[in-house]
Amino acid sequence: MGAPRHLDLLPDLAAERIAWPVPFADGLPILQRLKGQRVVALASGDPFWFGAGRVIAEALTPGEWRALPGPSTFSLAAARMGWGIERTTCLGLHAAPLSSLRPHLAPGARLLVLLRDGAAAGDLCAYLSATGFGESRVTLLEALGGPRERVSPVIADAGAADIAHPVAAAIEVAGDGPVVTRAAGREDALFSNDGQITKRPVRALTLSALAPRPGERLWDIGGGSGSIAIEWLLSDPSMRAISIEPRADRAARIRENAAALGMGRLDVIEGRAPDVLDDLDAPHAVFIGGGLSRALLDTLAERLTPGTRLVANAVTLESEALLADWQAKRGGELLRIELSEAAPLGTKRGWRSHYPVVQWRGAL
């Protein structure tokens, strides 16, 4: 079994040849029906690095399969470029949107990416130009390790054409597009919003209080612009998050913000907590940015696993009083955040205060 391009490379054989269908998942039942026979599944390079290996292994029983890996496309590409893989970001974009690149685009960064097909090479250049990184040098690497191998350097702004599958790209990022920084508290301008957003300094303090750890899941209740959940996901590729937002327009905006920043794995639930919580996967941490109420706090305390971390932000006097009472009964930490920024005051400047935010942090 294999893709037609793999099967075409084989010599004359008596064995039956089965073309792996598209989408890839449709081939797994075919493979499982062949149990008990001697079957070879052909894949490029190292099938366990952005390849088919993991999916096939999960579909079969241990002991039913054996893998014979070869040099990965990333290894071949790094060898052509002279780049150390340990210093290079490697991404599989053959089945992921180009926006997955967004968190990694910064001048001087080096990226190796796998692309879906030849047309995607032009799409990649267009995406880099649209995000302000059109000065990037893109080396297109076709059919690495085979007789059709071709290496073609281009500048993203110039585009790319007549590129054949299979193709990878080595990107040396350059340009003046906005950079998604690594620290929590990214610029507010990265998130489309209608004013309902946890502002950058408070967001940084909130993410610190939530204390994300690899592999954890967040419930973001009252998502607004989705900035908290998106920054949670940006902290590590293994993170998961569910954003709960009662307004349809804001839920749509959260999805758009997540997609634009390469965080399409954010799960957005349109509805009001606690009404929509019953069927959700249990979280490791919960953030309440909107819709804070005694009923919601009591529901979370009753339903969630003991030790689940909770952070709640309050702006109104009523919600502030609620958190003060909650802290008196449940313990945890209560923090008052007061921020001011310099603003024109006549011909001079003065401090313009924002509404104070009261934050409760603790464990259920």
Protein backbone atom coordinates (compact mmCIF):
# COMPACT_ATOMS: atom_id res chain seq x y z
CA MET A 1 0.00 0.00 0.00
CA GLY A 2 1.19 3.50 -0.71
CA ALA A 3 0.60 6.74 -2.51
CA PRO A 4 0.63 6.36 -6.31
CA ARG A 5 3.91 8.26 -6.51
CA HIS A 6 5.48 5.69 -4.17
CA LEU A 7 4.03 2.72 -6.03
CA ASP A 8 5.34 4.11 -9.33
CA LEU A 9 8.89 3.89 -8.00
CA LEU A 10 8.67 0.11 -7.47
CA PRO A 11 10.09 -2.41 -9.93
CA ASP A 12 7.89 -5.12 -11.45
CA LEU A 13 6.55 -7.21 -8.57
CA ALA A 14 4.13 -10.08 -8.25
CA ALA A 15 2.65 -8.47 -5.13
CA GLU A 16 -0.70 -6.71 -5.26
CA ARG A 17 -0.44 -2.92 -5.29
CA ILE A 18 -3.05 -0.91 -3.42
CA ALA A 19 -3.14 2.87 -3.77
CA TRP A 20 -3.63 4.58 -0.42
CA PRO A 21 -6.83 6.66 -0.74
CA VAL A 22 -7.39 10.33 0.06
CA PRO A 23 -8.17 11.33 2.77
CA PHE A 24 -5.49 9.31 4.52
CA ALA A 25 -7.84 7.99 7.24
CA ASP A 26 -9.81 6.08 4.57
CA GLY A 27 -6.84 3.76 4.09
CA LEU A 28 -6.79 2.50 7.67
CA PRO A 29 -9.83 0.18 7.33
CA ILE A 30 -8.25 -1.29 4.17
CA LEU A 31 -5.03 -1.93 6.05
CA GLN A 32 -6.88 -3.53 8.97
CA ARG A 33 -8.75 -5.89 6.63
CA LEU A 34 -5.38 -7.19 5.45
CA LYS A 35 -4.39 -8.43 8.92
CA GLY A 36 -2.75 -11.82 8.76
CA GLN A 37 -1.13 -11.13 5.40
CA ARG A 38 2.31 -9.74 4.69
CA VAL A 39 1.70 -6.08 3.94
CA VAL A 40 4.10 -3.20 3.30
CA ALA A 41 2.90 0.39 3.74
CA LEU A 42 5.16 2.81 1.89
CA ALA A 43 5.84 6.28 3.33
CA SER A 44 8.52 8.89 2.76
CA GLY A 45 11.53 9.13 5.04
CA ASP A 46 10.92 8.84 8.77
CA PRO A 47 7.20 8.04 9.13
CA PHE A 48 7.16 9.05 12.79
CA TRP A 49 8.12 12.68 12.22
CA PHE A 50 5.05 14.44 10.77
CA GLY A 51 4.39 11.24 8.84
CA ALA A 52 2.00 8.32 8.68
CA GLY A 53 3.73 6.17 11.29
CA ARG A 54 1.90 7.33 14.41
CA VAL A 55 -1.55 7.03 12.84
CA ILE A 56 -0.87 3.53 11.50
CA ALA A 57 0.68 2.37 14.79
CA GLU A 58 -2.35 3.59 16.74
CA ALA A 59 -4.69 1.71 14.39
CA LEU A 60 -2.88 -1.61 14.88
CA THR A 61 -1.97 -3.76 17.86
CA PRO A 62 1.61 -3.67 19.19
CA GLY A 63 3.52 -6.53 17.62
CA GLU A 64 1.51 -6.39 14.39
CA TRP A 65 3.77 -3.85 12.75
CA ARG A 66 7.43 -3.00 12.27
CA ALA A 67 8.80 0.32 11.04
CA LEU A 68 11.90 0.75 8.89
CA PRO A 69 12.55 4.51 8.93
CA GLY A 70 14.78 6.34 6.50
CA PRO A 71 16.19 9.87 6.57
CA SER A 72 13.32 12.31 7.11
CA THR A 73 12.57 15.15 4.74
CA PHE A 74 13.70 17.47 7.52
CA SER A 75 17.08 15.69 7.68
CA LEU A 76 17.52 15.92 3.92
CA ALA A 77 16.46 19.56 3.85
CA ALA A 78 18.80 20.49 6.70
CA ALA A 79 21.63 18.73 4.89
CA ARG A 80 20.99 20.74 1.73
CA MET A 81 20.80 24.03 3.68
CA GLY A 82 23.62 23.33 6.14
CA TRP A 83 21.30 24.07 9.08
CA GLY A 84 21.40 22.42 12.49
CA ILE A 85 18.02 20.79 13.06
CA GLU A 86 18.26 21.44 16.80
CA ARG A 87 18.27 25.17 16.02
CA THR A 88 15.53 25.04 13.41
CA THR A 89 11.74 24.94 13.82
CA CYS A 90 10.24 22.02 11.89
CA LEU A 91 6.56 22.08 10.93
CA GLY A 92 4.29 19.79 8.95
CA LEU A 93 1.93 21.95 6.87
CA HIS A 94 0.83 19.25 4.44
CA ALA A 95 -2.36 18.85 6.49
CA ALA A 96 -2.38 22.10 8.49
CA PRO A 97 -3.18 25.72 7.56
CA LEU A 98 -0.40 28.13 6.70
CA SER A 99 -1.45 30.23 9.71
CA SER A 100 0.32 27.57 11.82
CA LEU A 101 3.47 29.49 10.86
CA ARG A 102 2.27 32.70 12.53
CA PRO A 103 3.72 32.20 16.04
CA HIS A 104 7.12 31.38 14.53
CA LEU A 105 7.54 34.37 12.21
CA ALA A 106 10.29 36.61 13.54
CA PRO A 107 13.27 38.13 11.71
CA GLY A 108 16.21 35.76 11.79
CA ALA A 109 14.15 32.63 12.49
CA ARG A 110 14.80 29.54 10.40
CA LEU A 111 11.92 27.20 9.57
CA LEU A 112 11.70 23.91 7.72
CA VAL A 113 8.16 23.12 6.61
CA LEU A 114 6.49 20.31 4.70
CA LEU A 115 3.95 21.48 2.12
CA ARG A 116 0.82 19.83 0.76
CA ASP A 117 1.68 20.14 -2.94
CA GLY A 118 3.39 22.34 -5.51
CA ALA A 119 0.63 24.97 -5.46
CA ALA A 120 1.13 25.40 -1.71
CA ALA A 121 4.59 26.82 -2.40
CA GLY A 122 2.98 29.86 -4.03
CA ASP A 123 0.44 30.06 -1.22
CA LEU A 124 3.28 30.04 1.31
CA CYS A 125 5.01 32.98 -0.37
CA ALA A 126 1.73 34.89 -0.54
CA TYR A 127 1.08 34.25 3.15
CA LEU A 128 4.52 35.51 4.15
CA SER A 129 3.98 38.67 2.11
CA ALA A 130 0.52 39.25 3.59
CA THR A 131 1.83 39.00 7.16
CA GLY A 132 4.66 41.50 6.57
CA PHE A 133 7.46 39.00 5.99
CA GLY A 134 7.68 39.19 2.22
CA GLU A 135 11.44 39.80 2.41
CA SER A 136 11.93 36.23 3.64
CA ARG A 137 14.20 33.97 1.61
CA VAL A 138 12.35 30.76 0.76
CA THR A 139 14.28 27.79 -0.59
CA LEU A 140 11.91 25.32 -2.24
CA LEU A 141 13.12 21.73 -2.06
CA GLU A 142 11.45 19.33 -4.49
CA ALA A 143 11.64 15.51 -4.40
CA LEU A 144 14.57 15.45 -2.00
CA GLY A 145 16.78 12.38 -2.28
CA GLY A 146 15.32 11.30 -5.62
CA PRO A 147 16.22 11.71 -9.29
CA ARG A 148 13.86 14.72 -9.63
CA GLU A 149 15.45 16.66 -6.77
CA ARG A 150 15.52 20.42 -7.35
CA VAL A 151 16.49 23.28 -5.03
CA SER A 152 15.03 26.71 -5.90
CA PRO A 153 15.68 29.82 -3.79
CA VAL A 154 13.16 32.67 -4.09
CA ILE A 155 12.13 35.79 -2.19
CA ALA A 156 8.60 35.47 -0.82
CA ASP A 157 7.43 38.73 -2.41
CA ALA A 158 8.40 37.35 -5.83
CA GLY A 159 6.18 34.31 -5.42
CA ALA A 160 6.75 30.75 -6.67
CA ALA A 161 5.44 28.78 -9.65
CA ASP A 162 6.01 25.45 -11.43
CA ILE A 163 6.85 23.62 -8.22
CA ALA A 164 6.18 19.88 -8.13
CA HIS A 165 5.10 17.63 -5.28
CA PRO A 166 6.63 16.43 -2.96
CA VAL A 167 7.98 19.73 -1.73
CA ALA A 168 9.41 21.22 1.45
CA ALA A 169 10.50 24.78 2.12
CA ALA A 170 13.37 26.26 4.10
CA ILE A 171 12.44 29.75 5.28
CA GLU A 172 14.86 32.40 6.50
CA VAL A 173 12.42 34.89 7.98
CA ALA A 174 12.87 38.59 7.22
CA GLY A 175 10.57 41.60 7.20
CA ASP A 176 8.87 44.04 9.51
CA GLY A 177 5.60 42.20 10.24
CA PRO A 178 4.33 42.10 13.84
CA VAL A 179 5.99 39.36 15.88
CA VAL A 180 4.06 37.11 18.24
CA THR A 181 6.33 37.27 21.25
CA ARG A 182 7.06 34.30 23.53
CA ALA A 183 6.15 36.02 26.79
CA ALA A 184 2.57 36.08 28.07
CA GLY A 185 0.81 39.37 27.48
CA ARG A 186 1.01 39.75 23.71
CA GLU A 187 0.03 43.04 22.11
CA ASP A 188 -3.71 43.77 22.17
CA ALA A 189 -3.57 44.60 18.44
CA LEU A 190 -3.06 40.91 17.65
CA PHE A 191 -6.60 40.18 18.81
CA SER A 192 -9.61 41.55 16.96
CA ASN A 193 -12.10 42.67 19.61
CA ASP A 194 -15.10 44.87 20.36
CA GLY A 195 -13.58 46.19 23.56
CA GLN A 196 -14.28 42.99 25.46
CA ILE A 197 -10.69 41.87 25.95
CA THR A 198 -8.43 41.22 28.90
CA LYS A 199 -5.84 43.95 28.30
CA ARG A 200 -2.19 43.06 27.88
CA PRO A 201 -0.83 43.74 31.41
CA VAL A 202 -3.78 42.07 33.13
CA ARG A 203 -3.58 39.19 30.66
CA ALA A 204 0.06 38.62 31.55
CA LEU A 205 -0.79 38.51 35.26
CA THR A 206 -3.75 36.23 34.56
CA LEU A 207 -1.68 33.74 32.55
CA SER A 208 0.91 33.75 35.32
CA ALA A 209 -1.85 32.98 37.84
CA LEU A 210 -3.24 30.19 35.66
CA ALA A 211 0.28 28.67 35.54
CA PRO A 212 -0.09 26.55 32.36
CA ARG A 213 1.77 23.25 32.35
CA PRO A 214 2.45 21.07 29.27
CA GLY A 215 -0.47 18.90 28.21
CA GLU A 216 -3.12 20.72 30.25
CA ARG A 217 -6.61 21.84 29.28
CA LEU A 218 -8.18 25.23 30.09
CA TRP A 219 -11.79 26.29 30.33
CA ASP A 220 -12.00 29.97 29.38
CA ILE A 221 -15.44 31.09 30.57
CA GLY A 222 -16.67 34.36 29.03
CA GLY A 223 -14.16 34.21 26.18
CA GLY A 224 -14.66 37.75 24.80
CA SER A 225 -11.90 37.97 22.19
CA GLY A 226 -10.37 34.62 23.14
CA SER A 227 -7.06 36.22 24.14
CA ILE A 228 -6.62 34.21 27.36
CA ALA A 229 -7.35 30.84 25.75
CA ILE A 230 -5.18 31.64 22.72
CA GLU A 231 -2.24 32.69 24.85
CA TRP A 232 -2.70 29.52 26.91
CA LEU A 233 -2.36 27.51 23.69
CA LEU A 234 0.64 29.54 22.56
CA SER A 235 2.52 28.51 25.70
CA ASP A 236 3.11 24.95 24.43
CA PRO A 237 2.03 22.82 21.42
CA SER A 238 0.57 20.20 23.78
CA MET A 239 -1.92 22.60 25.39
CA ARG A 240 -5.68 22.36 24.87
CA ALA A 241 -8.36 24.94 25.58
CA ILE A 242 -12.12 25.41 25.42
CA SER A 243 -13.48 28.94 25.16
CA ILE A 244 -17.10 29.43 26.26
CA GLU A 245 -18.86 32.54 24.98
CA PRO A 246 -22.64 33.25 25.01
CA ARG A 247 -22.65 35.84 22.19
CA ALA A 248 -22.56 34.49 18.65
CA ASP A 249 -20.60 37.44 17.23
CA ARG A 250 -17.93 37.13 19.88
CA ALA A 251 -17.72 33.35 19.48
CA ALA A 252 -17.12 33.88 15.75
CA ARG A 253 -14.46 36.49 16.53
CA ILE A 254 -12.70 34.08 18.90
CA ARG A 255 -12.51 31.49 16.12
CA GLU A 256 -11.11 34.10 13.72
CA ASN A 257 -8.47 35.24 16.22
CA ALA A 258 -7.45 31.66 16.96
CA ALA A 259 -7.12 30.81 13.26
CA ALA A 260 -5.14 33.98 12.51
CA LEU A 261 -2.59 33.12 15.20
CA GLY A 262 -2.26 29.48 14.20
CA MET A 263 -4.29 28.17 17.14
CA GLY A 264 -7.10 26.52 15.22
CA ARG A 265 -7.18 23.75 17.81
CA LEU A 266 -9.06 26.08 20.18
CA ASP A 267 -12.52 24.62 20.81
CA VAL A 268 -15.14 27.38 20.93
CA ILE A 269 -18.49 26.63 22.61
CA GLU A 270 -21.31 29.08 22.02
CA GLY A 271 -23.40 29.16 25.19
CA ARG A 272 -23.54 30.28 28.78
CA ALA A 273 -21.81 28.64 31.73
CA PRO A 274 -22.71 26.64 33.72
CA ASP A 275 -25.42 25.47 31.28
CA VAL A 276 -22.96 24.13 28.68
CA LEU A 277 -20.38 22.55 30.98
CA ASP A 278 -21.82 19.06 31.42
CA ASP A 279 -20.37 17.34 28.34
CA LEU A 280 -17.00 19.08 28.23
CA ASP A 281 -13.69 17.32 28.90
CA ALA A 282 -12.55 18.11 32.43
CA PRO A 283 -10.06 20.98 32.74
CA HIS A 284 -6.86 21.34 34.70
CA ALA A 285 -7.48 25.07 35.06
CA VAL A 286 -10.44 27.43 34.68
CA PHE A 287 -10.50 31.15 33.97
CA ILE A 288 -13.64 33.22 34.53
CA GLY A 289 -13.41 36.47 32.61
CA GLY A 290 -17.13 37.07 32.22
CA GLY A 291 -20.41 35.81 33.64
CA LEU A 292 -19.06 35.50 37.18
CA SER A 293 -21.80 34.48 39.63
CA ARG A 294 -22.26 32.57 42.86
CA ALA A 295 -24.11 29.85 40.95
CA LEU A 296 -21.18 29.41 38.55
CA LEU A 297 -18.61 29.23 41.35
CA ASP A 298 -20.71 26.73 43.29
CA THR A 299 -21.23 24.59 40.18
CA LEU A 300 -17.51 24.51 39.43
CA ALA A 301 -16.66 23.63 43.05
CA GLU A 302 -19.22 20.80 42.97
CA ARG A 303 -18.41 19.28 39.57
CA LEU A 304 -14.69 19.66 39.02
CA THR A 305 -11.91 17.45 40.29
CA PRO A 306 -10.42 18.66 43.58
CA GLY A 307 -7.20 20.53 42.88
CA THR A 308 -8.43 22.13 39.64
CA ARG A 309 -6.91 25.60 39.45
CA LEU A 310 -9.29 28.56 39.18
CA VAL A 311 -8.63 32.21 38.38
CA ALA A 312 -11.45 34.76 38.29
CA ASN A 313 -11.23 38.44 37.36
CA ALA A 314 -13.81 40.96 38.57
CA VAL A 315 -14.40 44.60 37.61
CA THR A 316 -17.79 45.49 39.07
CA LEU A 317 -18.42 46.14 42.76
CA GLU A 318 -20.85 43.23 42.87
CA SER A 319 -18.43 40.69 41.42
CA GLU A 320 -15.62 42.10 43.56
CA ALA A 321 -17.73 41.52 46.68
CA LEU A 322 -18.48 38.01 45.49
CA LEU A 323 -14.79 37.19 45.17
CA ALA A 324 -14.02 38.71 48.54
CA ASP A 325 -16.67 36.49 50.14
CA TRP A 326 -15.43 33.46 48.17
CA GLN A 327 -11.87 34.03 49.35
CA ALA A 328 -13.01 34.34 52.97
CA LYS A 329 -14.70 30.94 52.74
CA ARG A 330 -12.40 29.06 50.35
CA GLY A 331 -9.00 30.63 50.90
CA GLY A 332 -6.75 31.29 47.94
CA GLU A 333 -5.18 34.60 46.95
CA LEU A 334 -6.97 37.88 46.32
CA LEU A 335 -5.15 40.50 44.25
CA ARG A 336 -6.22 44.01 43.30
CA ILE A 337 -4.70 45.25 40.04
CA GLU A 338 -4.69 49.01 39.45
CA LEU A 339 -3.12 50.32 36.26
CA SER A 340 -2.63 53.81 34.87
CA GLU A 341 -1.08 55.02 31.65
CA ALA A 342 0.32 58.37 30.63
CA ALA A 343 -2.11 60.44 28.53
CA PRO A 344 -2.38 64.06 27.34
CA LEU A 345 -3.67 66.48 29.97
CA GLY A 346 -4.04 69.90 28.37
CA THR A 347 -0.59 70.84 27.11
CA LYS A 348 1.09 68.37 29.46
CA ARG A 349 0.57 64.75 30.48
CA GLY A 350 -1.10 62.97 33.36
CA TRP A 351 -2.03 59.52 34.53
CA ARG A 352 -5.25 58.01 33.15
CA SER A 353 -6.51 55.26 35.40
CA HIS A 354 -8.20 52.09 34.23
CA TYR A 355 -10.91 50.31 36.18
CA PRO A 356 -9.23 48.24 38.89
CA VAL A 357 -9.40 44.47 38.49
CA VAL A 358 -9.79 42.13 41.45
CA GLN A 359 -8.39 38.68 40.84
CA TRP A 360 -8.97 35.53 42.88
CA ARG A 361 -6.57 32.64 42.44
CA GLY A 362 -6.89 29.28 44.12
CA ALA A 363 -7.76 25.60 43.80
CA LEU A 364 -11.19 24.02 44.00
